[in-house]
Amino acid sequence: MTLVTVSIGSNIDRERHVLACLDAIAETFGEPRVSRVFESEPVGFEDGRNFYNLVAAFHATRPVGELQAWCKEIEAANGRLPGSPKFSPRTLDIDLLTVGDQCGHIDGVELPRDEILHHAFVLWPLAELLPDTPHPENGRTYAELWAHFTAGDQHLWPVTFDWHGRPVSRPD
């Protein structure tokens, strides 16, 4: 079994779509470990709706291409249209961040995902969830990467979020 991490984001009916994604992961791969849920201002989007973002980790035996196809199926099942403009509102966005320690262009997916090192809405939840895990390419832990990260204009904050009546996230 390989540890897989995915980033999850939504800025349309955010709570419903994040819950649907977590349920789909649990149904397919078993209950995931999840970071807190963060509300974030959109980066690069003209539409001003804030996102909910989090990272989930689970174990899987599927190859990268099948994992990517599964992510796209769940997005489509939640109303995300393939081919929609890059910076348009999203019902659900699921991105493979890491699949074990695999690096490079695998089955059409670049691993580890570059956004880990460039976006606070990916790195902060990942550092919170797996602080002592090393980045597959540079070997620095996610906690270390977050400690040296400059967020700049990326504003985000943890929010209250429950999954099946259990608290997943609470503000500090």
Protein backbone atom coordinates (compact mmCIF):
# COMPACT_ATOMS: atom_id res chain seq x y z
CA MET A 1 0.00 0.00 0.00
CA THR A 2 1.24 3.44 -0.93
CA LEU A 3 0.47 6.66 0.93
CA VAL A 4 -1.40 9.05 -1.37
CA THR A 5 -2.06 12.71 -0.62
CA VAL A 6 -4.61 14.86 -2.40
CA SER A 7 -5.59 18.48 -2.10
CA ILE A 8 -9.30 19.18 -2.05
CA GLY A 9 -10.84 22.54 -2.87
CA SER A 10 -14.26 24.02 -3.54
CA ASN A 11 -15.74 27.49 -3.89
CA ILE A 12 -19.27 26.50 -4.95
CA ASP A 13 -21.49 25.00 -2.23
CA ARG A 14 -18.20 24.31 -0.45
CA GLU A 15 -19.29 22.24 2.52
CA ARG A 16 -21.48 19.88 0.48
CA HIS A 17 -18.76 19.16 -2.09
CA VAL A 18 -15.94 18.72 0.43
CA LEU A 19 -18.12 16.29 2.40
CA ALA A 20 -18.97 14.39 -0.80
CA CYS A 21 -15.28 14.11 -1.63
CA LEU A 22 -14.37 12.81 1.84
CA ASP A 23 -17.21 10.29 1.63
CA ALA A 24 -16.00 9.12 -1.80
CA ILE A 25 -12.44 8.67 -0.51
CA ALA A 26 -13.69 6.73 2.52
CA GLU A 27 -15.93 4.52 0.36
CA THR A 28 -13.15 3.74 -2.14
CA PHE A 29 -9.96 3.66 -0.05
CA GLY A 30 -11.04 3.63 3.60
CA GLU A 31 -11.33 6.55 5.95
CA PRO A 32 -8.67 9.15 5.14
CA ARG A 33 -6.61 11.22 7.54
CA VAL A 34 -7.43 14.86 6.94
CA SER A 35 -5.98 18.25 7.77
CA ARG A 36 -8.07 21.04 9.13
CA VAL A 37 -10.24 22.80 6.58
CA PHE A 38 -9.01 26.24 5.60
CA GLU A 39 -10.95 29.06 4.02
CA SER A 40 -8.78 30.84 1.50
CA GLU A 41 -9.07 33.80 -0.76
CA PRO A 42 -8.91 32.80 -4.42
CA VAL A 43 -5.46 32.97 -6.04
CA GLY A 44 -5.59 34.02 -9.69
CA PHE A 45 -9.41 33.93 -9.88
CA GLU A 46 -11.51 36.89 -10.99
CA ASP A 47 -14.54 35.44 -9.20
CA GLY A 48 -14.19 36.55 -5.59
CA ARG A 49 -15.72 33.49 -3.89
CA ASN A 50 -13.48 32.05 -1.19
CA PHE A 51 -12.43 28.41 -1.24
CA TYR A 52 -12.45 25.67 1.31
CA ASN A 53 -9.15 23.78 1.07
CA LEU A 54 -7.73 20.75 2.87
CA VAL A 55 -5.42 17.81 2.32
CA ALA A 56 -6.41 14.16 2.72
CA ALA A 57 -4.07 11.17 3.03
CA PHE A 58 -5.01 7.54 2.41
CA HIS A 59 -3.41 4.29 1.33
CA ALA A 60 -3.97 2.81 -2.13
CA THR A 61 -2.60 0.18 -4.46
CA ARG A 62 -3.79 1.78 -7.71
CA PRO A 63 -1.29 3.18 -10.21
CA VAL A 64 -1.03 6.95 -10.67
CA GLY A 65 -3.13 6.99 -13.85
CA GLU A 66 -6.02 5.20 -12.14
CA LEU A 67 -5.81 7.52 -9.13
CA GLN A 68 -5.92 10.54 -11.45
CA ALA A 69 -8.91 9.11 -13.33
CA TRP A 70 -10.68 8.46 -10.01
CA CYS A 71 -10.12 12.12 -8.98
CA LYS A 72 -11.64 13.33 -12.27
CA GLU A 73 -14.64 10.97 -11.88
CA ILE A 74 -15.39 12.34 -8.41
CA GLU A 75 -15.03 15.92 -9.66
CA ALA A 76 -17.47 15.19 -12.51
CA ALA A 77 -19.91 13.45 -10.15
CA ASN A 78 -19.94 16.70 -8.18
CA GLY A 79 -20.69 18.89 -11.18
CA ARG A 80 -17.24 19.96 -12.33
CA LEU A 81 -17.27 20.24 -16.07
CA PRO A 82 -14.20 18.99 -17.94
CA GLY A 83 -12.54 21.69 -19.98
CA SER A 84 -13.87 24.56 -17.86
CA PRO A 85 -11.61 27.62 -17.85
CA LYS A 86 -8.57 27.35 -15.57
CA PHE A 87 -9.54 30.11 -13.14
CA SER A 88 -13.30 29.53 -13.03
CA PRO A 89 -15.36 28.68 -9.92
CA ARG A 90 -15.19 25.03 -8.86
CA THR A 91 -17.67 22.69 -7.28
CA LEU A 92 -14.77 20.37 -6.51
CA ASP A 93 -11.07 20.30 -7.33
CA ILE A 94 -9.05 17.20 -6.37
CA ASP A 95 -5.34 17.18 -7.16
CA LEU A 96 -2.89 14.35 -6.59
CA LEU A 97 -0.06 15.84 -4.53
CA THR A 98 2.04 12.76 -3.86
CA VAL A 99 1.89 9.03 -4.47
CA GLY A 100 4.46 7.53 -2.14
CA ASP A 101 7.89 8.85 -3.07
CA GLN A 102 7.29 8.77 -6.83
CA CYS A 103 8.83 11.66 -8.77
CA GLY A 104 8.53 12.71 -12.38
CA HIS A 105 5.94 12.64 -15.13
CA ILE A 106 3.95 9.45 -14.45
CA ASP A 107 0.79 8.47 -16.36
CA GLY A 108 0.31 12.10 -17.40
CA VAL A 109 0.70 13.46 -13.86
CA GLU A 110 3.67 15.42 -12.53
CA LEU A 111 4.64 14.17 -9.07
CA PRO A 112 5.07 15.59 -6.56
CA ARG A 113 2.66 18.36 -7.53
CA ASP A 114 4.44 21.69 -7.87
CA GLU A 115 1.72 23.57 -5.92
CA ILE A 116 3.06 22.03 -2.70
CA LEU A 117 5.98 24.46 -2.78
CA HIS A 118 4.08 27.50 -4.08
CA HIS A 119 0.65 27.73 -2.45
CA ALA A 120 -0.11 28.19 1.24
CA PHE A 121 -3.52 26.55 0.76
CA VAL A 122 -1.70 23.31 -0.12
CA LEU A 123 1.45 23.46 2.02
CA TRP A 124 -0.10 24.55 5.34
CA PRO A 125 -2.65 21.70 5.46
CA LEU A 126 -0.03 19.22 4.22
CA ALA A 127 2.47 20.37 6.86
CA GLU A 128 -0.22 20.07 9.51
CA LEU A 129 -1.26 16.59 8.41
CA LEU A 130 2.18 15.08 7.73
CA PRO A 131 4.71 17.37 9.45
CA ASP A 132 7.57 14.86 9.60
CA THR A 133 7.13 13.46 6.10
CA PRO A 134 9.83 14.51 3.64
CA HIS A 135 9.02 16.07 0.29
CA PRO A 136 9.83 13.35 -2.29
CA GLU A 137 12.17 15.57 -4.32
CA ASN A 138 13.98 17.86 -1.90
CA GLY A 139 13.87 15.73 1.27
CA ARG A 140 12.83 18.60 3.56
CA THR A 141 9.89 17.82 5.82
CA TYR A 142 6.59 19.54 5.15
CA ALA A 143 6.81 21.22 8.57
CA GLU A 144 10.24 22.60 7.67
CA LEU A 145 9.00 23.78 4.28
CA TRP A 146 6.03 25.51 5.93
CA ALA A 147 8.24 27.14 8.58
CA HIS A 148 10.28 28.77 5.79
CA PHE A 149 7.35 29.56 3.48
CA THR A 150 6.42 33.14 2.68
CA ALA A 151 2.69 33.31 2.04
CA GLY A 152 2.73 36.79 0.51
CA ASP A 153 -0.77 37.66 -0.69
CA GLN A 154 -2.19 34.20 0.06
CA HIS A 155 -4.65 34.68 2.92
CA LEU A 156 -6.17 31.64 4.59
CA TRP A 157 -7.47 30.64 7.99
CA PRO A 158 -8.82 27.45 9.61
CA VAL A 159 -12.60 27.11 9.90
CA THR A 160 -14.99 24.93 11.86
CA PHE A 161 -15.88 21.82 9.87
CA ASP A 162 -17.53 18.53 10.87
CA TRP A 163 -17.66 15.23 8.99
CA HIS A 164 -20.42 12.82 10.07
CA GLY A 165 -20.80 14.68 13.35
CA ARG A 166 -17.08 14.51 14.17
CA PRO A 167 -15.00 17.65 14.32
CA VAL A 168 -12.41 17.70 11.55
CA SER A 169 -11.45 21.32 11.88
CA ARG A 170 -11.57 24.09 14.43
CA PRO A 171 -10.01 27.54 14.27
CA ASP A 172 -7.00 28.07 16.52
